[in-house]
């Protein structure tokens, strides 16, 4: 059985900043950013660092506006060994 897919959700807060919530099988974290672009950059950077992850942009009511899955092959990313 495959492990659960970590989800990074980006949503506006009531006070005008953007939050990135990371939920995974062994981790739960939240980060706040003053701009949507900063939140998106952070979420994509974290998703690309993981083997599998989903980034979802949420509306203020919690509905999913857009989502994308990211996969990093075993031959890329941190700790990968290049074979000639």
N, C-alpha and C. Protein backbone atom coordinates (compact mmCIF):
# COMPACT_ATOMS: atom_id res chain seq x y z
N UNK A 1 0.84 -1.19 0.00
CA UNK A 1 0.00 0.00 0.00
C UNK A 1 0.88 1.25 0.00
N UNK A 2 0.56 2.23 -0.81
CA UNK A 2 1.36 3.45 -0.88
C UNK A 2 1.04 4.36 0.30
N UNK A 3 2.01 5.21 0.63
CA UNK A 3 1.82 6.12 1.75
C UNK A 3 0.90 7.27 1.34
N UNK A 4 0.21 7.90 2.29
CA UNK A 4 -0.71 9.01 1.97
C UNK A 4 0.02 10.19 1.33
N UNK A 5 -0.67 10.87 0.46
CA UNK A 5 -0.11 12.01 -0.26
C UNK A 5 -0.13 13.26 0.62
N UNK A 6 1.03 13.89 0.87
CA UNK A 6 1.03 15.14 1.64
C UNK A 6 0.30 16.23 0.86
N UNK A 7 -0.45 17.05 1.55
CA UNK A 7 -1.21 18.12 0.91
C UNK A 7 -0.74 19.46 1.47
N UNK A 8 -0.45 20.39 0.56
CA UNK A 8 -0.11 21.76 0.94
C UNK A 8 -1.24 22.64 0.42
N UNK A 9 -1.99 23.23 1.33
CA UNK A 9 -3.11 24.08 0.93
C UNK A 9 -2.77 25.55 1.17
N UNK A 10 -3.12 26.38 0.18
CA UNK A 10 -2.86 27.82 0.23
C UNK A 10 -4.21 28.50 0.33
N UNK A 11 -4.38 29.35 1.34
CA UNK A 11 -5.68 30.00 1.54
C UNK A 11 -5.50 31.40 2.12
N UNK A 12 -6.39 32.31 1.75
CA UNK A 12 -6.33 33.64 2.36
C UNK A 12 -6.89 33.57 3.78
N UNK A 13 -6.36 34.41 4.67
CA UNK A 13 -6.88 34.47 6.03
C UNK A 13 -7.77 35.70 6.17
N UNK A 14 -8.48 35.78 7.28
CA UNK A 14 -9.39 36.90 7.50
C UNK A 14 -8.67 38.24 7.63
N UNK A 15 -7.40 38.20 8.06
CA UNK A 15 -6.67 39.45 8.24
C UNK A 15 -5.84 39.86 7.02
N UNK A 16 -6.02 39.18 5.89
CA UNK A 16 -5.40 39.61 4.64
C UNK A 16 -4.08 38.98 4.27
N UNK A 17 -3.55 38.09 5.09
CA UNK A 17 -2.33 37.39 4.72
C UNK A 17 -2.69 36.02 4.15
N UNK A 18 -1.71 35.33 3.62
CA UNK A 18 -1.93 34.01 3.02
C UNK A 18 -1.27 32.94 3.87
N UNK A 19 -1.95 31.83 4.06
CA UNK A 19 -1.39 30.74 4.85
C UNK A 19 -1.12 29.54 3.96
N UNK A 20 -0.05 28.82 4.29
CA UNK A 20 0.28 27.55 3.65
C UNK A 20 0.21 26.49 4.74
N UNK A 21 -0.74 25.58 4.61
CA UNK A 21 -0.90 24.49 5.58
C UNK A 21 -0.36 23.21 4.97
N UNK A 22 0.55 22.57 5.67
CA UNK A 22 1.10 21.30 5.20
C UNK A 22 0.57 20.18 6.09
N UNK A 23 -0.08 19.22 5.47
CA UNK A 23 -0.60 18.06 6.20
C UNK A 23 -0.08 16.81 5.53
N UNK A 24 0.57 15.98 6.32
CA UNK A 24 1.12 14.73 5.80
C UNK A 24 1.01 13.65 6.86
N UNK A 25 1.47 12.44 6.54
CA UNK A 25 1.35 11.34 7.49
C UNK A 25 2.17 11.55 8.76
N UNK A 26 3.26 12.32 8.67
CA UNK A 26 4.10 12.50 9.85
C UNK A 26 4.37 13.97 10.16
N UNK A 27 3.63 14.89 9.53
CA UNK A 27 3.94 16.30 9.71
C UNK A 27 2.71 17.16 9.53
N UNK A 28 2.60 18.17 10.36
CA UNK A 28 1.59 19.21 10.20
C UNK A 28 2.28 20.54 10.50
N UNK A 29 2.21 21.47 9.54
CA UNK A 29 2.90 22.75 9.70
C UNK A 29 2.07 23.85 9.04
N UNK A 30 2.30 25.08 9.47
CA UNK A 30 1.62 26.22 8.87
C UNK A 30 2.61 27.37 8.78
N UNK A 31 2.52 28.12 7.68
CA UNK A 31 3.38 29.29 7.48
C UNK A 31 2.51 30.41 6.91
N UNK A 32 2.84 31.66 7.25
CA UNK A 32 2.07 32.81 6.79
C UNK A 32 2.93 33.70 5.90
N UNK A 33 2.31 34.27 4.86
CA UNK A 33 3.00 35.12 3.90
C UNK A 33 2.16 36.34 3.61
N UNK A 34 2.80 37.50 3.37
CA UNK A 34 2.04 38.72 3.09
C UNK A 34 1.44 38.74 1.68
N UNK A 35 1.96 37.90 0.76
CA UNK A 35 1.44 37.89 -0.60
C UNK A 35 1.10 36.48 -1.05
N UNK A 36 0.21 36.39 -2.01
CA UNK A 36 -0.17 35.10 -2.58
C UNK A 36 1.02 34.47 -3.31
N UNK A 37 1.80 35.30 -4.02
CA UNK A 37 2.95 34.79 -4.75
C UNK A 37 3.98 34.17 -3.82
N UNK A 38 4.24 34.80 -2.69
CA UNK A 38 5.17 34.23 -1.72
C UNK A 38 4.69 32.89 -1.18
N UNK A 39 3.39 32.79 -0.92
CA UNK A 39 2.81 31.53 -0.44
C UNK A 39 2.91 30.44 -1.51
N UNK A 40 2.63 30.80 -2.76
CA UNK A 40 2.72 29.83 -3.86
C UNK A 40 4.15 29.33 -4.04
N UNK A 41 5.11 30.25 -4.02
CA UNK A 41 6.51 29.85 -4.18
C UNK A 41 6.94 28.89 -3.08
N UNK A 42 6.55 29.19 -1.86
CA UNK A 42 6.91 28.33 -0.73
C UNK A 42 6.28 26.94 -0.89
N UNK A 43 5.00 26.89 -1.23
CA UNK A 43 4.30 25.61 -1.35
C UNK A 43 4.90 24.75 -2.46
N UNK A 44 5.21 25.36 -3.60
CA UNK A 44 5.79 24.59 -4.71
C UNK A 44 7.19 24.12 -4.36
N UNK A 45 7.98 24.95 -3.68
CA UNK A 45 9.32 24.54 -3.26
C UNK A 45 9.25 23.34 -2.31
N UNK A 46 8.34 23.37 -1.36
CA UNK A 46 8.19 22.25 -0.42
C UNK A 46 7.70 21.01 -1.16
N UNK A 47 6.73 21.17 -2.08
CA UNK A 47 6.19 20.03 -2.82
C UNK A 47 7.27 19.37 -3.68
N UNK A 48 8.11 20.17 -4.31
CA UNK A 48 9.17 19.61 -5.15
C UNK A 48 10.25 18.92 -4.33
N UNK A 49 10.40 19.27 -3.07
CA UNK A 49 11.38 18.63 -2.20
C UNK A 49 10.91 17.27 -1.71
N UNK A 50 9.63 17.01 -1.82
CA UNK A 50 9.08 15.73 -1.39
C UNK A 50 8.98 14.79 -2.58
N UNK A 51 8.84 13.50 -2.30
CA UNK A 51 8.71 12.53 -3.39
C UNK A 51 7.37 12.69 -4.10
N UNK A 52 6.30 12.81 -3.36
CA UNK A 52 4.96 13.05 -3.90
C UNK A 52 4.28 14.10 -3.04
N UNK A 53 3.56 15.02 -3.65
CA UNK A 53 2.82 16.02 -2.88
C UNK A 53 1.77 16.66 -3.77
N UNK A 54 0.74 17.22 -3.14
CA UNK A 54 -0.32 17.95 -3.85
C UNK A 54 -0.39 19.36 -3.29
N UNK A 55 -0.46 20.34 -4.19
CA UNK A 55 -0.63 21.74 -3.82
C UNK A 55 -2.04 22.14 -4.23
N UNK A 56 -2.80 22.71 -3.30
CA UNK A 56 -4.18 23.12 -3.59
C UNK A 56 -4.37 24.57 -3.16
N UNK A 57 -4.99 25.36 -4.03
CA UNK A 57 -5.33 26.74 -3.71
C UNK A 57 -6.81 26.75 -3.32
N UNK A 58 -7.09 27.28 -2.14
CA UNK A 58 -8.45 27.28 -1.62
C UNK A 58 -9.06 28.67 -1.68
N UNK A 59 -10.37 28.72 -1.88
CA UNK A 59 -11.13 29.96 -1.78
C UNK A 59 -11.30 30.30 -0.30
N UNK A 60 -11.80 31.48 -0.01
CA UNK A 60 -11.99 31.87 1.40
C UNK A 60 -13.04 31.01 2.10
N UNK A 61 -13.95 30.37 1.33
CA UNK A 61 -14.95 29.49 1.93
C UNK A 61 -14.47 28.04 2.06
N UNK A 62 -13.23 27.77 1.62
CA UNK A 62 -12.66 26.43 1.75
C UNK A 62 -12.78 25.57 0.51
N UNK A 63 -13.45 26.04 -0.54
CA UNK A 63 -13.59 25.27 -1.77
C UNK A 63 -12.26 25.26 -2.53
N UNK A 64 -11.94 24.14 -3.15
CA UNK A 64 -10.70 24.03 -3.91
C UNK A 64 -10.87 24.76 -5.24
N UNK A 65 -9.99 25.73 -5.47
CA UNK A 65 -10.03 26.49 -6.72
C UNK A 65 -9.15 25.83 -7.78
N UNK A 66 -8.00 25.33 -7.37
CA UNK A 66 -7.03 24.73 -8.27
C UNK A 66 -6.14 23.79 -7.48
N UNK A 67 -5.75 22.67 -8.08
CA UNK A 67 -4.80 21.79 -7.41
C UNK A 67 -3.89 21.14 -8.44
N UNK A 68 -2.69 20.77 -7.98
CA UNK A 68 -1.73 20.12 -8.86
C UNK A 68 -0.90 19.15 -8.03
N UNK A 69 -0.63 17.99 -8.62
CA UNK A 69 0.21 16.98 -7.98
C UNK A 69 1.64 17.13 -8.48
N UNK A 70 2.60 16.97 -7.58
CA UNK A 70 4.01 17.03 -7.92
C UNK A 70 4.64 15.69 -7.57
N UNK A 71 5.46 15.17 -8.48
CA UNK A 71 6.21 13.94 -8.24
C UNK A 71 7.65 14.18 -8.61
N UNK A 72 8.55 13.74 -7.75
CA UNK A 72 9.97 13.84 -8.02
C UNK A 72 10.49 12.43 -8.23
N UNK A 73 10.96 12.11 -9.42
CA UNK A 73 11.50 10.76 -9.65
C UNK A 73 12.67 10.48 -8.71
N UNK A 74 12.93 9.22 -8.46
CA UNK A 74 14.00 8.83 -7.54
C UNK A 74 15.36 9.27 -8.05
N UNK A 75 15.49 9.55 -9.36
CA UNK A 75 16.78 9.96 -9.91
C UNK A 75 17.04 11.45 -9.75
N UNK A 76 16.07 12.19 -9.19
CA UNK A 76 16.24 13.62 -8.95
C UNK A 76 16.07 13.91 -7.47
N UNK A 77 16.38 15.13 -7.11
CA UNK A 77 16.13 15.57 -5.75
C UNK A 77 17.29 15.30 -4.81
N UNK A 78 17.10 15.65 -3.54
CA UNK A 78 18.17 15.52 -2.57
C UNK A 78 18.52 14.04 -2.31
N UNK A 79 19.78 13.74 -2.22
CA UNK A 79 20.21 12.39 -1.91
C UNK A 79 20.28 11.45 -3.10
N UNK A 80 19.96 11.94 -4.30
CA UNK A 80 19.99 11.08 -5.48
C UNK A 80 21.43 10.87 -5.93
N UNK A 81 21.70 9.70 -6.41
CA UNK A 81 23.02 9.36 -6.90
C UNK A 81 22.98 9.28 -8.41
N UNK A 82 23.88 9.99 -9.07
CA UNK A 82 23.93 9.97 -10.53
C UNK A 82 24.75 8.78 -10.98
N UNK A 83 24.17 7.96 -11.86
CA UNK A 83 24.85 6.79 -12.37
C UNK A 83 25.22 7.06 -13.83
N UNK A 84 26.51 6.93 -14.19
CA UNK A 84 26.92 7.22 -15.58
C UNK A 84 26.44 6.16 -16.55
